[in-house]
Amino acid sequence: MQTVSKSSDRRASLGTLELDPAIANLRTVINQVLTPKVQDIDLKGEFPEQIMHQLGEAGAFSHAVSTDFQGSGKGLKAAVQSIEEISKDCLSTGFIAWCQVACTWYLENTNNTALKADMLPKVATGQALAGTGLSNPMKHFADIEKIALKAQRVDGGYVVNGMLPWVSNLGPGHYFGIAAKMADSEEYMMAIVSDDLEGMSLRLNAHFIALEGTGTYSCVFRNAFVPDEWVLAAPCEDYVACIRPGFMLTQVGMGLGLTDSCIELMRRSNKRLGHVNCYLDDQAEDISADLEMARQRTYRLADQLNACTGVADPQLTREIIQARATASELSLRSSQAAMLHAGARAYVHGSAPERKLREAYFVAIVTPALKHLKKMLADMKETALPVA
């Protein structure tokens, strides 16, 4: 067993307000198996497959899942906290942990009881790894881009064609969700798929400035047959409206964890440069106060969403969208502050502040991106929905 550093202890002590004991146990696993591999994941693009299985064994993906399906049943707040805790050390792993949690959320909310019983326990415990695949559909339903996949109804299922440009937490045999427009209809279907399906293949065709170690592939469907047994909902518009708030809210954990770690970097820099850092606009104490406000809001929203049955009301949905936007803005602000506090040392390739800066842009760009969120808020305001 590796020795836990004092810096890891300090990192764990930040943001422990209302922290579930299960999350404290998760921190032990993070310190032992994830922290030593962060540089390899970030700079070498190593996909932390075994680490993900270990995080699953520690319960990282199980909290939004009922106990009937090997979940903890603790709810969305604990799910957010798990992603938050992982993201303090490595946003790449925090992001694919979110992908895994999002897939459990899809399965938890489907009416396909056979699919849920077969697949959800494996995803919730990390035995099987899973992505989300809803970046394009989420943008499509917000009138940002066209739907990428088309589905033709046939006996026993659907034949799907098209390509999703980037889906993460993938590899041979991994599951992920898709949404496709049904042929000769204005309706959509949503299903779980895998590259094990005939006619479905993965392609690695891009390299990113950050989040390289996330198992991100293009997914090509050429007359891929998706059986009814793997369908989450068809038509799926009401189902998507049901899962969308949880999809967005659990992402907030990435921003909370990243911001927390940036505050820690600022405090470390101040030990050497506090006499000049005090002239910068953003101080650790200021960002810390804003982080605690964001954290409290997120946890409250998680508890409220947990108590919902069906589609969340417009007021709650608007607050969740705003919380997600705040996570993006806090990530950008805190990572820039960490860079400026560290000074020239931060400008060395591979430094912790440099990685945090690259990671922060991902929080603000991954679907729903900050501009997507602001569009959603503007659209809701135009339809005269109540303002949070």
Protein backbone atom coordinates (compact mmCIF):
# COMPACT_ATOMS: atom_id res chain seq x y z
CA MET A 1 0.00 0.00 0.00
CA GLN A 2 1.32 3.43 -0.93
CA THR A 3 1.81 6.16 1.62
CA VAL A 4 -0.75 8.97 1.45
CA SER A 5 0.92 12.36 1.25
CA LYS A 6 0.02 15.30 3.45
CA SER A 7 -1.11 17.19 0.35
CA SER A 8 -3.59 14.39 -0.37
CA ASP A 9 -4.87 14.68 3.20
CA ARG A 10 -5.39 18.42 2.75
CA ARG A 11 -7.12 17.85 -0.55
CA ALA A 12 -9.48 15.36 1.09
CA SER A 13 -10.26 17.79 3.91
CA LEU A 14 -11.56 20.44 1.53
CA GLY A 15 -15.26 20.33 0.86
CA THR A 16 -16.19 17.67 3.39
CA LEU A 17 -19.38 19.46 4.38
CA GLU A 18 -22.16 16.86 4.47
CA LEU A 19 -19.76 14.32 2.96
CA ASP A 20 -21.15 10.81 2.98
CA PRO A 21 -18.90 8.23 4.73
CA ALA A 22 -18.87 6.21 1.50
CA ILE A 23 -17.15 9.14 -0.22
CA ALA A 24 -14.49 9.27 2.48
CA ASN A 25 -13.81 5.57 1.81
CA LEU A 26 -13.60 6.34 -1.90
CA ARG A 27 -10.85 8.88 -1.14
CA THR A 28 -8.67 6.05 0.18
CA VAL A 29 -8.95 4.21 -3.14
CA ILE A 30 -8.26 7.41 -5.08
CA ASN A 31 -5.07 8.06 -3.09
CA GLN A 32 -3.84 4.51 -3.53
CA VAL A 33 -4.55 3.77 -7.19
CA LEU A 34 -5.50 6.96 -9.06
CA THR A 35 -3.24 9.72 -7.76
CA PRO A 36 0.01 7.93 -8.74
CA LYS A 37 -1.29 7.51 -12.32
CA VAL A 38 -2.57 11.04 -13.02
CA GLN A 39 0.43 12.11 -15.10
CA ASP A 40 0.28 8.97 -17.25
CA ILE A 41 -3.45 9.42 -17.83
CA ASP A 42 -3.03 13.10 -18.74
CA LEU A 43 0.24 13.18 -20.68
CA LYS A 44 0.40 9.65 -22.11
CA GLY A 45 -3.33 9.26 -22.67
CA GLU A 46 -3.54 6.02 -20.72
CA PHE A 47 -7.11 4.84 -20.24
CA PRO A 48 -7.51 3.91 -16.52
CA GLU A 49 -9.56 0.78 -17.12
CA GLN A 50 -8.46 -1.17 -14.06
CA ILE A 51 -8.75 1.93 -11.90
CA MET A 52 -12.34 2.34 -13.07
CA HIS A 53 -13.11 -1.22 -12.04
CA GLN A 54 -11.56 -0.53 -8.63
CA LEU A 55 -13.55 2.68 -8.22
CA GLY A 56 -16.66 0.69 -9.09
CA GLU A 57 -15.85 -1.87 -6.42
CA ALA A 58 -15.56 1.03 -3.98
CA GLY A 59 -19.10 2.13 -4.85
CA ALA A 60 -18.26 5.21 -6.92
CA PHE A 61 -20.96 4.56 -9.54
CA SER A 62 -23.70 2.99 -7.43
CA HIS A 63 -25.32 5.86 -5.54
CA ALA A 64 -28.02 6.86 -8.05
CA VAL A 65 -29.03 3.19 -8.28
CA SER A 66 -31.61 1.48 -6.08
CA THR A 67 -30.56 -1.34 -3.78
CA ASP A 68 -32.60 -3.78 -5.89
CA PHE A 69 -29.91 -3.49 -8.59
CA GLN A 70 -26.77 -3.56 -6.42
CA GLY A 71 -26.81 0.20 -5.89
CA SER A 72 -26.29 1.98 -2.60
CA GLY A 73 -29.59 3.84 -2.94
CA LYS A 74 -27.97 6.91 -1.37
CA GLY A 75 -29.13 9.16 -4.21
CA LEU A 76 -27.86 11.85 -6.52
CA LYS A 77 -26.05 13.90 -3.88
CA ALA A 78 -23.70 11.00 -3.14
CA ALA A 79 -23.32 10.47 -6.91
CA VAL A 80 -22.25 14.10 -7.35
CA GLN A 81 -19.87 13.83 -4.39
CA SER A 82 -18.20 10.73 -5.86
CA ILE A 83 -17.52 12.50 -9.16
CA GLU A 84 -16.38 15.58 -7.23
CA GLU A 85 -13.90 13.59 -5.15
CA ILE A 86 -12.39 11.82 -8.18
CA SER A 87 -12.19 15.09 -10.15
CA LYS A 88 -10.08 16.74 -7.44
CA ASP A 89 -7.20 14.52 -8.52
CA CYS A 90 -7.94 13.73 -12.17
CA LEU A 91 -10.66 15.27 -14.30
CA SER A 92 -10.15 12.65 -17.02
CA THR A 93 -11.15 9.96 -14.55
CA GLY A 94 -13.79 12.20 -13.01
CA PHE A 95 -15.33 12.64 -16.45
CA ILE A 96 -15.46 8.95 -17.31
CA ALA A 97 -16.80 8.29 -13.81
CA TRP A 98 -19.59 10.72 -14.72
CA CYS A 99 -20.11 8.79 -18.00
CA GLN A 100 -20.53 5.63 -15.95
CA VAL A 101 -22.94 7.29 -13.51
CA ALA A 102 -24.94 8.76 -16.41
CA CYS A 103 -25.41 5.30 -17.90
CA THR A 104 -26.65 4.00 -14.54
CA TRP A 105 -29.11 6.91 -14.55
CA TYR A 106 -30.43 5.87 -17.98
CA LEU A 107 -30.90 2.29 -16.82
CA GLU A 108 -32.38 3.25 -13.45
CA ASN A 109 -35.10 5.28 -15.19
CA THR A 110 -36.07 2.93 -18.02
CA ASN A 111 -39.31 0.96 -18.02
CA ASN A 112 -37.49 -1.93 -19.70
CA THR A 113 -37.29 -4.03 -16.56
CA ALA A 114 -35.46 -6.93 -18.21
CA LEU A 115 -32.71 -4.65 -19.52
CA LYS A 116 -32.45 -2.97 -16.13
CA ALA A 117 -32.17 -6.26 -14.27
CA ASP A 118 -29.56 -7.64 -16.65
CA MET A 119 -27.32 -4.63 -17.24
CA LEU A 120 -27.70 -2.14 -14.38
CA PRO A 121 -25.95 -4.20 -11.64
CA LYS A 122 -22.92 -4.69 -13.89
CA VAL A 123 -22.63 -0.97 -14.68
CA ALA A 124 -23.37 0.17 -11.11
CA THR A 125 -20.60 -1.98 -9.65
CA GLY A 126 -18.06 -1.19 -12.37
CA GLN A 127 -17.96 -4.76 -13.60
CA ALA A 128 -18.94 -3.38 -17.03
CA LEU A 129 -17.83 0.06 -18.23
CA ALA A 130 -20.24 2.39 -20.01
CA GLY A 131 -20.47 5.71 -21.83
CA THR A 132 -23.29 8.16 -22.46
CA GLY A 133 -23.58 8.81 -26.22
CA LEU A 134 -26.06 11.67 -25.78
CA SER A 135 -23.94 14.68 -26.74
CA ASN A 136 -25.46 14.92 -30.22
CA PRO A 137 -29.06 14.24 -29.12
CA MET A 138 -28.86 16.78 -26.30
CA LYS A 139 -27.65 19.42 -28.78
CA HIS A 140 -30.28 18.33 -31.28
CA PHE A 141 -33.11 18.69 -28.79
CA ALA A 142 -31.81 22.21 -28.03
CA ASP A 143 -31.93 23.10 -31.77
CA ILE A 144 -28.13 23.34 -32.02
CA GLU A 145 -27.38 20.53 -34.49
CA LYS A 146 -29.03 17.78 -36.52
CA ILE A 147 -29.56 14.31 -35.11
CA ALA A 148 -26.73 12.00 -36.17
CA LEU A 149 -28.43 8.59 -36.05
CA LYS A 150 -31.48 7.23 -37.87
CA ALA A 151 -33.38 4.09 -36.85
CA GLN A 152 -35.59 1.91 -39.02
CA ARG A 153 -38.13 -0.29 -37.28
CA VAL A 154 -37.81 -3.99 -38.19
CA ASP A 155 -39.00 -7.24 -36.62
CA GLY A 156 -37.54 -7.54 -33.14
CA GLY A 157 -35.79 -4.18 -32.99
CA TYR A 158 -34.26 -1.35 -35.01
CA VAL A 159 -31.63 -1.00 -37.72
CA VAL A 160 -29.46 2.05 -36.93
CA ASN A 161 -27.27 4.05 -39.31
CA GLY A 162 -25.05 7.11 -38.85
CA MET A 163 -22.01 8.22 -36.86
CA LEU A 164 -21.50 9.77 -33.44
CA PRO A 165 -18.26 11.77 -33.55
CA TRP A 166 -17.07 11.41 -29.94
CA VAL A 167 -18.27 9.08 -27.20
CA SER A 168 -16.14 8.53 -24.07
CA ASN A 169 -15.44 5.72 -21.59
CA LEU A 170 -15.46 3.25 -24.47
CA GLY A 171 -13.46 0.20 -25.40
CA PRO A 172 -14.20 -3.32 -26.61
CA GLY A 173 -17.45 -4.54 -25.10
CA HIS A 174 -18.31 -1.31 -23.28
CA TYR A 175 -21.94 -0.16 -23.27
CA PHE A 176 -23.26 3.31 -24.14
CA GLY A 177 -26.56 5.06 -24.78
CA ILE A 178 -27.80 6.38 -28.10
CA ALA A 179 -30.82 8.30 -29.35
CA ALA A 180 -31.93 8.04 -32.97
CA LYS A 181 -34.72 9.52 -35.07
CA MET A 182 -37.16 6.86 -36.17
CA ALA A 183 -37.68 6.65 -39.94
CA ASP A 184 -40.94 8.05 -41.34
CA SER A 185 -41.70 9.62 -37.98
CA GLU A 186 -41.04 12.75 -35.94
CA GLU A 187 -40.32 10.61 -32.90
CA TYR A 188 -37.09 9.20 -31.46
CA MET A 189 -35.92 6.03 -29.77
CA MET A 190 -33.20 5.57 -27.17
CA ALA A 191 -31.24 2.39 -26.51
CA ILE A 192 -28.12 0.90 -24.99
CA VAL A 193 -25.61 -0.41 -27.54
CA SER A 194 -22.11 -1.88 -27.69
CA ASP A 195 -19.47 -2.49 -30.34
CA ASP A 196 -20.34 -6.17 -29.88
CA LEU A 197 -23.40 -5.47 -32.05
CA GLU A 198 -22.90 -6.44 -35.68
CA GLY A 199 -22.56 -3.34 -37.86
CA MET A 200 -21.28 -1.09 -35.04
CA SER A 201 -17.58 -0.14 -34.84
CA LEU A 202 -15.28 2.25 -32.93
CA ARG A 203 -12.76 4.57 -34.55
CA LEU A 204 -10.01 6.56 -32.86
CA ASN A 205 -9.57 9.64 -35.07
CA ALA A 206 -8.74 12.62 -32.87
CA HIS A 207 -6.26 13.75 -30.24
CA PHE A 208 -7.17 16.34 -27.63
CA ILE A 209 -5.25 18.94 -25.62
CA ALA A 210 -6.65 17.38 -22.42
CA LEU A 211 -8.82 14.45 -21.39
CA GLU A 212 -6.86 12.16 -23.73
CA GLY A 213 -7.09 9.17 -21.41
CA THR A 214 -10.87 8.95 -21.57
CA GLY A 215 -11.44 6.19 -24.14
CA THR A 216 -13.03 8.63 -26.62
CA TYR A 217 -14.00 7.19 -30.02
CA SER A 218 -16.13 7.90 -33.04
CA CYS A 219 -18.95 5.35 -33.26
CA VAL A 220 -20.02 4.18 -36.71
CA PHE A 221 -23.35 2.43 -37.30
CA ARG A 222 -23.82 0.62 -40.61
CA ASN A 223 -27.10 -1.28 -40.55
CA ALA A 224 -26.46 -2.11 -36.91
CA PHE A 225 -29.30 -4.15 -35.44
CA VAL A 226 -30.41 -3.05 -31.96
CA PRO A 227 -32.80 -5.59 -30.42
CA ASP A 228 -35.90 -4.54 -28.52
CA GLU A 229 -34.30 -6.04 -25.40
CA TRP A 230 -31.76 -3.18 -25.43
CA VAL A 231 -34.23 -0.33 -26.01
CA LEU A 232 -34.55 2.16 -23.15
CA ALA A 233 -37.61 3.98 -24.54
CA ALA A 234 -39.42 4.32 -27.89
CA PRO A 235 -40.64 6.95 -28.38
CA CYS A 236 -38.22 8.56 -25.95
CA GLU A 237 -39.06 12.27 -25.73
CA ASP A 238 -40.67 12.01 -22.27
CA TYR A 239 -37.91 9.67 -21.14
CA VAL A 240 -35.19 12.13 -22.23
CA ALA A 241 -37.00 14.95 -20.42
CA CYS A 242 -36.92 12.75 -17.31
CA ILE A 243 -33.21 11.90 -17.42
CA ARG A 244 -31.87 15.25 -18.68
CA PRO A 245 -31.79 17.07 -15.28
CA GLY A 246 -29.81 14.25 -13.64
CA PHE A 247 -27.52 14.07 -16.67
CA MET A 248 -26.64 17.76 -16.18
CA LEU A 249 -26.57 17.91 -12.39
CA THR A 250 -24.15 15.03 -11.90
CA GLN A 251 -21.73 16.81 -14.26
CA VAL A 252 -21.48 19.61 -11.68
CA GLY A 253 -19.32 17.28 -9.59
CA MET A 254 -16.52 17.68 -12.14
CA GLY A 255 -16.49 21.46 -11.74
CA LEU A 256 -16.74 21.33 -7.95
CA GLY A 257 -13.80 18.93 -7.69
CA LEU A 258 -11.65 20.86 -10.16
CA THR A 259 -12.32 24.17 -8.41
CA ASP A 260 -11.51 22.63 -5.03
CA SER A 261 -8.12 21.42 -6.28
CA CYS A 262 -7.36 24.82 -7.84
CA ILE A 263 -7.97 26.49 -4.48
CA GLU A 264 -5.48 24.07 -2.92
CA LEU A 265 -2.89 24.98 -5.59
CA MET A 266 -3.43 28.67 -4.89
CA ARG A 267 -2.86 28.12 -1.18
CA ARG A 268 0.34 26.22 -1.88
CA SER A 269 1.60 29.04 -4.13
CA ASN A 270 0.84 31.58 -1.43
CA LYS A 271 3.36 29.94 0.90
CA ARG A 272 6.08 31.23 -1.42
CA LEU A 273 4.40 34.10 -3.26
CA GLY A 274 1.67 35.30 -0.93
CA HIS A 275 3.34 38.69 -0.57
CA VAL A 276 2.68 39.44 -4.25
CA ASN A 277 -0.28 37.15 -4.96
CA CYS A 278 -2.34 39.29 -2.59
CA TYR A 279 -2.61 41.87 -5.39
CA LEU A 280 -4.46 39.50 -7.72
CA ASP A 281 -8.22 39.95 -8.07
CA ASP A 282 -9.17 36.34 -7.32
CA GLN A 283 -8.01 35.11 -3.91
CA ALA A 284 -8.33 31.58 -2.57
CA GLU A 285 -10.74 32.68 0.14
CA ASP A 286 -13.05 34.39 -2.38
CA ILE A 287 -13.23 31.40 -4.70
CA SER A 288 -13.59 29.07 -1.73
CA ALA A 289 -16.65 30.99 -0.54
CA ASP A 290 -18.20 30.82 -4.01
CA LEU A 291 -17.38 27.11 -4.22
CA GLU A 292 -19.17 26.41 -0.94
CA MET A 293 -22.24 28.28 -2.19
CA ALA A 294 -22.19 26.27 -5.42
CA ARG A 295 -21.68 23.03 -3.52
CA GLN A 296 -24.57 23.69 -1.15
CA ARG A 297 -26.86 24.60 -4.03
CA THR A 298 -25.89 21.47 -5.96
CA TYR A 299 -26.44 19.15 -3.01
CA ARG A 300 -29.83 20.74 -2.33
CA LEU A 301 -30.85 20.36 -5.97
CA ALA A 302 -29.70 16.74 -5.93
CA ASP A 303 -31.94 16.00 -2.96
CA GLN A 304 -34.86 17.79 -4.62
CA LEU A 305 -34.37 15.91 -7.89
CA ASN A 306 -34.13 12.64 -5.98
CA ALA A 307 -37.56 13.31 -4.55
CA CYS A 308 -39.09 13.92 -8.00
CA THR A 309 -41.19 11.38 -9.82
CA GLY A 310 -41.24 11.79 -13.58
CA VAL A 311 -40.18 15.04 -15.23
CA ALA A 312 -38.75 17.77 -12.98
CA ASP A 313 -40.75 20.99 -12.77
CA PRO A 314 -39.51 24.01 -14.77
CA GLN A 315 -38.21 25.89 -11.73
CA LEU A 316 -36.04 22.97 -10.60
CA THR A 317 -34.83 22.38 -14.15
CA ARG A 318 -33.81 26.01 -14.53
CA GLU A 319 -31.87 25.93 -11.24
CA ILE A 320 -30.05 22.78 -12.36
CA ILE A 321 -29.07 24.40 -15.67
CA GLN A 322 -27.78 27.43 -13.77
CA ALA A 323 -25.83 25.22 -11.35
CA ARG A 324 -24.19 23.48 -14.30
CA ALA A 325 -23.29 26.84 -15.87
CA THR A 326 -21.84 28.03 -12.55
CA ALA A 327 -19.65 24.92 -12.44
CA SER A 328 -18.18 25.88 -15.82
CA GLU A 329 -17.58 29.48 -14.82
CA LEU A 330 -16.02 28.54 -11.48
CA SER A 331 -13.72 26.05 -13.22
CA LEU A 332 -12.48 28.66 -15.68
CA ARG A 333 -12.05 31.32 -12.99
CA SER A 334 -10.29 29.09 -10.46
CA SER A 335 -7.93 27.47 -12.97
CA GLN A 336 -6.83 30.86 -14.30
CA ALA A 337 -6.31 32.05 -10.73
CA ALA A 338 -4.21 28.96 -9.97
CA MET A 339 -2.03 29.69 -13.02
CA LEU A 340 -1.52 33.33 -12.03
CA HIS A 341 -0.81 32.46 -8.40
CA ALA A 342 1.86 29.94 -9.38
CA GLY A 343 3.49 32.22 -11.95
CA ALA A 344 6.28 30.95 -14.18
CA ARG A 345 6.28 27.50 -12.55
CA ALA A 346 2.76 26.97 -13.87
CA TYR A 347 3.95 27.62 -17.43
CA VAL A 348 6.02 24.44 -17.52
CA HIS A 349 4.43 21.68 -19.60
CA GLY A 350 2.96 19.06 -17.28
CA SER A 351 2.63 21.32 -14.25
CA ALA A 352 -0.46 20.85 -12.12
CA PRO A 353 -1.86 24.37 -12.80
CA GLU A 354 -1.37 23.91 -16.54
CA ARG A 355 -3.32 20.64 -16.44
CA LYS A 356 -6.08 22.26 -14.42
CA LEU A 357 -6.38 25.05 -16.99
CA ARG A 358 -6.77 22.55 -19.83
CA GLU A 359 -9.25 20.53 -17.80
CA ALA A 360 -11.32 23.62 -16.97
CA TYR A 361 -11.94 24.36 -20.62
CA PHE A 362 -13.30 20.84 -20.96
CA VAL A 363 -15.81 21.44 -18.15
CA ALA A 364 -17.00 24.50 -20.10
CA ILE A 365 -17.06 22.75 -23.51
CA VAL A 366 -18.38 19.23 -22.84
CA THR A 367 -22.10 18.85 -23.61
CA PRO A 368 -23.97 20.78 -22.46
CA ALA A 369 -21.34 23.45 -23.10
CA LEU A 370 -21.52 26.81 -21.38
CA LYS A 371 -22.96 28.42 -24.52
CA HIS A 372 -25.51 25.58 -24.76
CA LEU A 373 -26.54 26.15 -21.13
CA LYS A 374 -26.90 29.89 -21.66
CA LYS A 375 -29.06 29.22 -24.73
CA MET A 376 -31.27 26.92 -22.67
CA LEU A 377 -31.66 29.58 -19.98
CA ALA A 378 -32.48 32.23 -22.60
CA ASP A 379 -35.04 29.94 -24.26
CA MET A 380 -36.71 29.29 -20.91
CA LYS A 381 -36.84 33.00 -20.17
CA GLU A 382 -38.47 33.67 -23.55
CA THR A 383 -41.20 31.15 -22.74
CA ALA A 384 -41.87 33.07 -19.50
CA LEU A 385 -40.75 30.35 -17.12
CA PRO A 386 -40.05 31.48 -13.54
CA VAL A 387 -36.56 32.79 -12.79
CA ALA A 388 -34.53 31.12 -10.06
